[in-house]
Amino acid sequence: KGRKQVGIRIPDNDVARELARALGTPLLTT
């Protein structure tokens, strides 16, 4: 809360995207 910006990634990688899909929420990532 209070943050005005966020970085969005939708990688061209099935594992990464499927993790987010199966979890049901975005993954905080670094």
Full PDB file with SEQRES, HELIX, SHEET, SSBOND, CRYST1, ORIGX, SCALE, CONECT and MASTER records, all heavy atoms in Angstrom:
SEQRES   1 A   30  LYS GLY ARG LYS GLN VAL GLY ILE ARG ILE PRO ASP ASN          
SEQRES   2 A   30  ASP VAL ALA ARG GLU LEU ALA ARG ALA LEU GLY THR PRO          
SEQRES   3 A   30  LEU LEU THR THR                                              
HELIX    1 AA1 ASP A   14  LEU A   23  1                                  10    
CRYST1    1.000    1.000    1.000  90.00  90.00  90.00 P 1           1          
ORIGX1      1.000000  0.000000  0.000000        0.00000                         
ORIGX2      0.000000  1.000000  0.000000        0.00000                         
ORIGX3      0.000000  0.000000  1.000000        0.00000                         
SCALE1      1.000000  0.000000  0.000000        0.00000                         
SCALE2      0.000000  1.000000  0.000000        0.00000                         
SCALE3      0.000000  0.000000  1.000000        0.00000                         
ATOM      1  N   LYS A   1       0.827  -1.200   0.000  1.00  0.00           N  
ATOM      2  CA  LYS A   1       0.000   0.000   0.000  1.00  0.00           C  
ATOM      3  C   LYS A   1       0.866   1.257   0.000  1.00  0.00           C  
ATOM      4  O   LYS A   1       1.869   1.344   0.698  1.00  0.00           O  
ATOM      5  CB  LYS A   1      -0.941   0.011   1.205  1.00  0.00           C  
ATOM      6  CG  LYS A   1      -2.045  -1.038   1.146  1.00  0.00           C  
ATOM      7  CD  LYS A   1      -2.941  -0.868  -0.067  1.00  0.00           C  
ATOM      8  CE  LYS A   1      -4.073  -1.896  -0.055  1.00  0.00           C  
ATOM      9  NZ  LYS A   1      -4.896  -1.819  -1.267  1.00  0.00           N  
ATOM     10  N   GLY A   2       0.457   2.211  -0.788  1.00  0.00           N  
ATOM     11  CA  GLY A   2       1.210   3.446  -0.903  1.00  0.00           C  
ATOM     12  C   GLY A   2       2.155   3.461  -2.083  1.00  0.00           C  
ATOM     13  O   GLY A   2       2.634   4.518  -2.489  1.00  0.00           O  
ATOM     14  N   ARG A   3       2.437   2.284  -2.650  1.00  0.00           N  
ATOM     15  CA  ARG A   3       3.313   2.227  -3.816  1.00  0.00           C  
ATOM     16  C   ARG A   3       2.535   2.678  -5.051  1.00  0.00           C  
ATOM     17  O   ARG A   3       1.405   2.273  -5.265  1.00  0.00           O  
ATOM     18  CB  ARG A   3       3.857   0.825  -4.031  1.00  0.00           C  
ATOM     19  CG  ARG A   3       4.771   0.344  -2.902  1.00  0.00           C  
ATOM     20  CD  ARG A   3       5.519  -0.911  -3.327  1.00  0.00           C  
ATOM     21  NE  ARG A   3       6.342  -0.652  -4.490  1.00  0.00           N  
ATOM     22  CZ  ARG A   3       7.554  -0.105  -4.439  1.00  0.00           C  
ATOM     23  NH1 ARG A   3       8.070   0.250  -3.296  1.00  0.00           N  
ATOM     24  NH2 ARG A   3       8.248   0.086  -5.531  1.00  0.00           N  
ATOM     25  N   LYS A   4       3.174   3.477  -5.875  1.00  0.00           N  
ATOM     26  CA  LYS A   4       2.501   4.010  -7.051  1.00  0.00           C  
ATOM     27  C   LYS A   4       2.789   3.210  -8.317  1.00  0.00           C  
ATOM     28  O   LYS A   4       2.092   3.379  -9.321  1.00  0.00           O  
ATOM     29  CB  LYS A   4       2.905   5.478  -7.254  1.00  0.00           C  
ATOM     30  CG  LYS A   4       2.456   6.392  -6.123  1.00  0.00           C  
ATOM     31  CD  LYS A   4       2.853   7.828  -6.396  1.00  0.00           C  
ATOM     32  CE  LYS A   4       2.374   8.742  -5.274  1.00  0.00           C  
ATOM     33  NZ  LYS A   4       2.745  10.163  -5.515  1.00  0.00           N  
ATOM     34  N   GLN A   5       3.836   2.374  -8.268  1.00  0.00           N  
ATOM     35  CA  GLN A   5       4.229   1.636  -9.466  1.00  0.00           C  
ATOM     36  C   GLN A   5       4.534   0.189  -9.124  1.00  0.00           C  
ATOM     37  O   GLN A   5       4.882  -0.132  -7.991  1.00  0.00           O  
ATOM     38  CB  GLN A   5       5.470   2.280 -10.104  1.00  0.00           C  
ATOM     39  CG  GLN A   5       5.282   3.714 -10.533  1.00  0.00           C  
ATOM     40  CD  GLN A   5       6.566   4.330 -11.052  1.00  0.00           C  
ATOM     41  OE1 GLN A   5       7.634   3.716 -11.009  1.00  0.00           O  
ATOM     42  NE2 GLN A   5       6.484   5.558 -11.553  1.00  0.00           N  
ATOM     43  N   VAL A   6       4.427  -0.672 -10.137  1.00  0.00           N  
ATOM     44  CA  VAL A   6       4.783  -2.077  -9.983  1.00  0.00           C  
ATOM     45  C   VAL A   6       5.305  -2.586 -11.323  1.00  0.00           C  
ATOM     46  O   VAL A   6       4.873  -2.140 -12.386  1.00  0.00           O  
ATOM     47  CB  VAL A   6       3.556  -2.914  -9.519  1.00  0.00           C  
ATOM     48  CG1 VAL A   6       2.444  -2.891 -10.553  1.00  0.00           C  
ATOM     49  CG2 VAL A   6       3.965  -4.346  -9.189  1.00  0.00           C  
ATOM     50  N   GLY A   7       6.273  -3.497 -11.266  1.00  0.00           N  
ATOM     51  CA  GLY A   7       6.785  -4.129 -12.483  1.00  0.00           C  
ATOM     52  C   GLY A   7       5.997  -5.383 -12.801  1.00  0.00           C  
ATOM     53  O   GLY A   7       5.736  -6.201 -11.917  1.00  0.00           O  
ATOM     54  N   ILE A   8       5.599  -5.526 -14.042  1.00  0.00           N  
ATOM     55  CA  ILE A   8       4.819  -6.685 -14.487  1.00  0.00           C  
ATOM     56  C   ILE A   8       5.650  -7.533 -15.436  1.00  0.00           C  
ATOM     57  O   ILE A   8       6.185  -7.036 -16.422  1.00  0.00           O  
ATOM     58  CB  ILE A   8       3.517  -6.245 -15.191  1.00  0.00           C  
ATOM     59  CG1 ILE A   8       2.595  -5.511 -14.209  1.00  0.00           C  
ATOM     60  CG2 ILE A   8       2.809  -7.447 -15.807  1.00  0.00           C  
ATOM     61  CD1 ILE A   8       2.073  -6.359 -13.075  1.00  0.00           C  
ATOM     62  N   ARG A   9       5.749  -8.834 -15.112  1.00  0.00           N  
ATOM     63  CA  ARG A   9       6.440  -9.812 -15.963  1.00  0.00           C  
ATOM     64  C   ARG A   9       5.457 -10.907 -16.371  1.00  0.00           C  
ATOM     65  O   ARG A   9       4.731 -11.433 -15.529  1.00  0.00           O  
ATOM     66  CB  ARG A   9       7.591 -10.472 -15.197  1.00  0.00           C  
ATOM     67  CG  ARG A   9       8.806  -9.626 -15.049  1.00  0.00           C  
ATOM     68  CD  ARG A   9       9.774  -9.790 -16.210  1.00  0.00           C  
ATOM     69  NE  ARG A   9      10.626 -10.963 -16.093  1.00  0.00           N  
ATOM     70  CZ  ARG A   9      10.844 -11.824 -17.077  1.00  0.00           C  
ATOM     71  NH1 ARG A   9      10.233 -11.712 -18.227  1.00  0.00           N  
ATOM     72  NH2 ARG A   9      11.682 -12.832 -16.918  1.00  0.00           N  
ATOM     73  N   ILE A  10       5.400 -11.228 -17.651  1.00  0.00           N  
ATOM     74  CA  ILE A  10       4.722 -12.426 -18.146  1.00  0.00           C  
ATOM     75  C   ILE A  10       5.770 -13.141 -18.989  1.00  0.00           C  
ATOM     76  O   ILE A  10       5.889 -12.905 -20.189  1.00  0.00           O  
ATOM     77  CB  ILE A  10       3.458 -12.102 -18.968  1.00  0.00           C  
ATOM     78  CG1 ILE A  10       2.481 -11.254 -18.138  1.00  0.00           C  
ATOM     79  CG2 ILE A  10       2.773 -13.401 -19.416  1.00  0.00           C  
ATOM     80  CD1 ILE A  10       1.224 -10.836 -18.898  1.00  0.00           C  
ATOM     81  N   PRO A  11       6.589 -13.988 -18.372  1.00  0.00           N  
ATOM     82  CA  PRO A  11       7.745 -14.558 -19.074  1.00  0.00           C  
ATOM     83  C   PRO A  11       7.346 -15.561 -20.153  1.00  0.00           C  
ATOM     84  O   PRO A  11       6.294 -16.214 -20.074  1.00  0.00           O  
ATOM     85  CB  PRO A  11       8.521 -15.273 -17.947  1.00  0.00           C  
ATOM     86  CG  PRO A  11       7.914 -14.802 -16.670  1.00  0.00           C  
ATOM     87  CD  PRO A  11       6.509 -14.429 -16.986  1.00  0.00           C  
ATOM     88  N   ASP A  12       8.206 -15.693 -21.128  1.00  0.00           N  
ATOM     89  CA  ASP A  12       8.057 -16.737 -22.141  1.00  0.00           C  
ATOM     90  C   ASP A  12       8.687 -18.021 -21.594  1.00  0.00           C  
ATOM     91  O   ASP A  12       9.675 -18.525 -22.125  1.00  0.00           O  
ATOM     92  CB  ASP A  12       8.725 -16.306 -23.444  1.00  0.00           C  
ATOM     93  CG  ASP A  12       8.454 -17.282 -24.578  1.00  0.00           C  
ATOM     94  OD1 ASP A  12       7.532 -18.113 -24.437  1.00  0.00           O  
ATOM     95  OD2 ASP A  12       9.172 -17.227 -25.594  1.00  0.00           O  
ATOM     96  N   ASN A  13       8.113 -18.488 -20.503  1.00  0.00           N  
ATOM     97  CA  ASN A  13       8.604 -19.688 -19.819  1.00  0.00           C  
ATOM     98  C   ASN A  13       7.408 -20.375 -19.186  1.00  0.00           C  
ATOM     99  O   ASN A  13       6.717 -19.788 -18.338  1.00  0.00           O  
ATOM    100  CB  ASN A  13       9.641 -19.313 -18.758  1.00  0.00           C  
ATOM    101  CG  ASN A  13      10.168 -20.522 -18.005  1.00  0.00           C  
ATOM    102  OD1 ASN A  13       9.508 -21.038 -17.104  1.00  0.00           O  
ATOM    103  ND2 ASN A  13      11.363 -20.983 -18.369  1.00  0.00           N  
ATOM    104  N   ASP A  14       7.154 -21.602 -19.608  1.00  0.00           N  
ATOM    105  CA  ASP A  14       5.960 -22.311 -19.146  1.00  0.00           C  
ATOM    106  C   ASP A  14       5.967 -22.545 -17.637  1.00  0.00           C  
ATOM    107  O   ASP A  14       4.918 -22.465 -16.994  1.00  0.00           O  
ATOM    108  CB  ASP A  14       5.841 -23.656 -19.865  1.00  0.00           C  
ATOM    109  CG  ASP A  14       5.539 -23.511 -21.341  1.00  0.00           C  
ATOM    110  OD1 ASP A  14       5.093 -22.411 -21.750  1.00  0.00           O  
ATOM    111  OD2 ASP A  14       5.749 -24.483 -22.097  1.00  0.00           O  
ATOM    112  N   VAL A  15       7.131 -22.842 -17.077  1.00  0.00           N  
ATOM    113  CA  VAL A  15       7.198 -23.135 -15.643  1.00  0.00           C  
ATOM    114  C   VAL A  15       6.794 -21.902 -14.837  1.00  0.00           C  
ATOM    115  O   VAL A  15       5.962 -21.980 -13.926  1.00  0.00           O  
ATOM    116  CB  VAL A  15       8.610 -23.601 -15.237  1.00  0.00           C  
ATOM    117  CG1 VAL A  15       8.677 -23.825 -13.725  1.00  0.00           C  
ATOM    118  CG2 VAL A  15       8.995 -24.881 -15.973  1.00  0.00           C  
ATOM    119  N   ALA A  16       7.364 -20.761 -15.168  1.00  0.00           N  
ATOM    120  CA  ALA A  16       7.069 -19.533 -14.429  1.00  0.00           C  
ATOM    121  C   ALA A  16       5.590 -19.175 -14.521  1.00  0.00           C  
ATOM    122  O   ALA A  16       4.940 -18.859 -13.512  1.00  0.00           O  
ATOM    123  CB  ALA A  16       7.931 -18.391 -14.961  1.00  0.00           C  
ATOM    124  N   ARG A  17       5.042 -19.221 -15.732  1.00  0.00           N  
ATOM    125  CA  ARG A  17       3.639 -18.842 -15.895  1.00  0.00           C  
ATOM    126  C   ARG A  17       2.705 -19.841 -15.218  1.00  0.00           C  
ATOM    127  O   ARG A  17       1.692 -19.462 -14.626  1.00  0.00           O  
ATOM    128  CB  ARG A  17       3.285 -18.702 -17.373  1.00  0.00           C  
ATOM    129  CG  ARG A  17       3.974 -17.535 -18.065  1.00  0.00           C  
ATOM    130  CD  ARG A  17       3.260 -17.142 -19.359  1.00  0.00           C  
ATOM    131  NE  ARG A  17       2.913 -18.282 -20.179  1.00  0.00           N  
ATOM    132  CZ  ARG A  17       3.732 -18.888 -21.021  1.00  0.00           C  
ATOM    133  NH1 ARG A  17       4.988 -18.467 -21.149  1.00  0.00           N  
ATOM    134  NH2 ARG A  17       3.334 -19.916 -21.750  1.00  0.00           N  
ATOM    135  N   GLU A  18       3.039 -21.123 -15.301  1.00  0.00           N  
ATOM    136  CA  GLU A  18       2.186 -22.133 -14.675  1.00  0.00           C  
ATOM    137  C   GLU A  18       2.213 -22.044 -13.154  1.00  0.00           C  
ATOM    138  O   GLU A  18       1.226 -22.328 -12.489  1.00  0.00           O  
ATOM    139  CB  GLU A  18       2.595 -23.533 -15.130  1.00  0.00           C  
ATOM    140  CG  GLU A  18       2.077 -23.905 -16.501  1.00  0.00           C  
ATOM    141  CD  GLU A  18       0.548 -23.885 -16.535  1.00  0.00           C  
ATOM    142  OE1 GLU A  18      -0.079 -24.700 -15.823  1.00  0.00           O  
ATOM    143  OE2 GLU A  18      -0.011 -23.050 -17.259  1.00  0.00           O  
ATOM    144  N   LEU A  19       3.341 -21.631 -12.587  1.00  0.00           N  
ATOM    145  CA  LEU A  19       3.391 -21.415 -11.139  1.00  0.00           C  
ATOM    146  C   LEU A  19       2.384 -20.341 -10.734  1.00  0.00           C  
ATOM    147  O   LEU A  19       1.637 -20.505  -9.764  1.00  0.00           O  
ATOM    148  CB  LEU A  19       4.797 -20.993 -10.711  1.00  0.00           C  
ATOM    149  CG  LEU A  19       5.836 -22.093 -10.536  1.00  0.00           C  
ATOM    150  CD1 LEU A  19       7.214 -21.474 -10.305  1.00  0.00           C  
ATOM    151  CD2 LEU A  19       5.483 -23.010  -9.366  1.00  0.00           C  
ATOM    152  N   ALA A  20       2.366 -19.241 -11.476  1.00  0.00           N  
ATOM    153  CA  ALA A  20       1.430 -18.155 -11.160  1.00  0.00           C  
ATOM    154  C   ALA A  20      -0.012 -18.595 -11.371  1.00  0.00           C  
ATOM    155  O   ALA A  20      -0.907 -18.252 -10.588  1.00  0.00           O  
ATOM    156  CB  ALA A  20       1.748 -16.924 -12.008  1.00  0.00           C  
ATOM    157  N   ARG A  21      -0.249 -19.367 -12.425  1.00  0.00           N  
ATOM    158  CA  ARG A  21      -1.619 -19.839 -12.684  1.00  0.00           C  
ATOM    159  C   ARG A  21      -2.091 -20.769 -11.577  1.00  0.00           C  
ATOM    160  O   ARG A  21      -3.200 -20.614 -11.036  1.00  0.00           O  
ATOM    161  CB  ARG A  21      -1.684 -20.581 -14.022  1.00  0.00           C  
ATOM    162  CG  ARG A  21      -3.095 -21.092 -14.372  1.00  0.00           C  
ATOM    163  CD  ARG A  21      -3.065 -22.173 -15.424  1.00  0.00           C  
ATOM    164  NE  ARG A  21      -2.322 -23.351 -14.977  1.00  0.00           N  
ATOM    165  CZ  ARG A  21      -2.796 -24.253 -14.125  1.00  0.00           C  
ATOM    166  NH1 ARG A  21      -4.005 -24.114 -13.598  1.00  0.00           N  
ATOM    167  NH2 ARG A  21      -2.057 -25.298 -13.782  1.00  0.00           N  
ATOM    168  N   ALA A  22      -1.246 -21.744 -11.225  1.00  0.00           N  
ATOM    169  CA  ALA A  22      -1.641 -22.728 -10.222  1.00  0.00           C  
ATOM    170  C   ALA A  22      -1.766 -22.113  -8.835  1.00  0.00           C  
ATOM    171  O   ALA A  22      -2.635 -22.502  -8.047  1.00  0.00           O  
ATOM    172  CB  ALA A  22      -0.630 -23.880 -10.198  1.00  0.00           C  
ATOM    173  N   LEU A  23      -0.910 -21.141  -8.532  1.00  0.00           N  
ATOM    174  CA  LEU A  23      -0.992 -20.472  -7.241  1.00  0.00           C  
ATOM    175  C   LEU A  23      -2.242 -19.604  -7.156  1.00  0.00           C  
ATOM    176  O   LEU A  23      -2.837 -19.444  -6.096  1.00  0.00           O  
ATOM    177  CB  LEU A  23       0.254 -19.620  -7.018  1.00  0.00           C  
ATOM    178  CG  LEU A  23       0.376 -18.893  -5.682  1.00  0.00           C  
ATOM    179  CD1 LEU A  23       0.445 -19.888  -4.523  1.00  0.00           C  
ATOM    180  CD2 LEU A  23       1.596 -17.983  -5.668  1.00  0.00           C  
ATOM    181  N   GLY A  24      -2.643 -19.054  -8.306  1.00  0.00           N  
ATOM    182  CA  GLY A  24      -3.845 -18.234  -8.340  1.00  0.00           C  
ATOM    183  C   GLY A  24      -3.604 -16.775  -8.023  1.00  0.00           C  
ATOM    184  O   GLY A  24      -4.557 -15.999  -7.903  1.00  0.00           O  
ATOM    185  N   THR A  25      -2.346 -16.393  -7.914  1.00  0.00           N  
ATOM    186  CA  THR A  25      -1.987 -15.006  -7.646  1.00  0.00           C  
ATOM    187  C   THR A  25      -0.596 -14.752  -8.213  1.00  0.00           C  
ATOM    188  O   THR A  25       0.189 -15.686  -8.372  1.00  0.00           O  
ATOM    189  CB  THR A  25      -2.012 -14.719  -6.124  1.00  0.00           C  
ATOM    190  OG1 THR A  25      -1.895 -13.315  -5.900  1.00  0.00           O  
ATOM    191  CG2 THR A  25      -0.883 -15.423  -5.403  1.00  0.00           C  
ATOM    192  N   PRO A  26      -0.269 -13.512  -8.544  1.00  0.00           N  
ATOM    193  CA  PRO A  26       1.081 -13.240  -9.043  1.00  0.00           C  
ATOM    194  C   PRO A  26       2.160 -13.634  -8.044  1.00  0.00           C  
ATOM    195  O   PRO A  26       1.923 -13.694  -6.837  1.00  0.00           O  
ATOM    196  CB  PRO A  26       1.066 -11.717  -9.265  1.00  0.00           C  
ATOM    197  CG  PRO A  26      -0.372 -11.390  -9.510  1.00  0.00           C  
ATOM    198  CD  PRO A  26      -1.139 -12.315  -8.610  1.00  0.00           C  
ATOM    199  N   LEU A  27       3.353 -13.895  -8.578  1.00  0.00           N  
ATOM    200  CA  LEU A  27       4.515 -14.207  -7.754  1.00  0.00           C  
ATOM    201  C   LEU A  27       5.350 -12.946  -7.579  1.00  0.00           C  
ATOM    202  O   LEU A  27       5.760 -12.337  -8.570  1.00  0.00           O  
ATOM    203  CB  LEU A  27       5.405 -15.266  -8.421  1.00  0.00           C  
ATOM    204  CG  LEU A  27       4.777 -16.518  -9.011  1.00  0.00           C  
ATOM    205  CD1 LEU A  27       5.873 -17.377  -9.632  1.00  0.00           C  
ATOM    206  CD2 LEU A  27       4.018 -17.286  -7.955  1.00  0.00           C  
ATOM    207  N   LEU A  28       5.583 -12.550  -6.346  1.00  0.00           N  
ATOM    208  CA  LEU A  28       6.582 -11.515  -6.134  1.00  0.00           C  
ATOM    209  C   LEU A  28       7.917 -12.117  -6.544  1.00  0.00           C  
ATOM    210  O   LEU A  28       8.240 -13.249  -6.166  1.00  0.00           O  
ATOM    211  CB  LEU A  28       6.618 -11.082  -4.669  1.00  0.00           C  
ATOM    212  CG  LEU A  28       7.625  -9.978  -4.349  1.00  0.00           C  
ATOM    213  CD1 LEU A  28       7.240  -8.682  -5.052  1.00  0.00           C  
ATOM    214  CD2 LEU A  28       7.718  -9.763  -2.848  1.00  0.00           C  
ATOM    215  N   THR A  29       8.696 -11.408  -7.325  1.00  0.00           N  
ATOM    216  CA  THR A  29       9.885 -12.015  -7.914  1.00  0.00           C  
ATOM    217  C   THR A  29      11.081 -11.072  -7.865  1.00  0.00           C  
ATOM    218  O   THR A  29      10.934  -9.853  -7.947  1.00  0.00           O  
ATOM    219  CB  THR A  29       9.601 -12.425  -9.374  1.00  0.00           C  
ATOM    220  OG1 THR A  29      10.677 -13.204  -9.892  1.00  0.00           O  
ATOM    221  CG2 THR A  29       9.392 -11.209 -10.269  1.00  0.00           C  
ATOM    222  N   THR A  30      12.256 -11.660  -7.727  1.00  0.00           N  
ATOM    223  CA  THR A  30      13.503 -10.923  -7.810  1.00  0.00           C  
ATOM    224  C   THR A  30      14.585 -11.863  -8.320  1.00  0.00           C  
ATOM    225  O   THR A  30      14.501 -13.080  -8.111  1.00  0.00           O  
ATOM    226  CB  THR A  30      13.913 -10.328  -6.446  1.00  0.00           C  
ATOM    227  OG1 THR A  30      15.086  -9.530  -6.605  1.00  0.00           O  
ATOM    228  CG2 THR A  30      14.200 -11.401  -5.418  1.00  0.00           C  
TER     229      THR A  30                                                      
MASTER        0    0    0    1    0    0    0    6  228    1    0    3          
END                                                                             
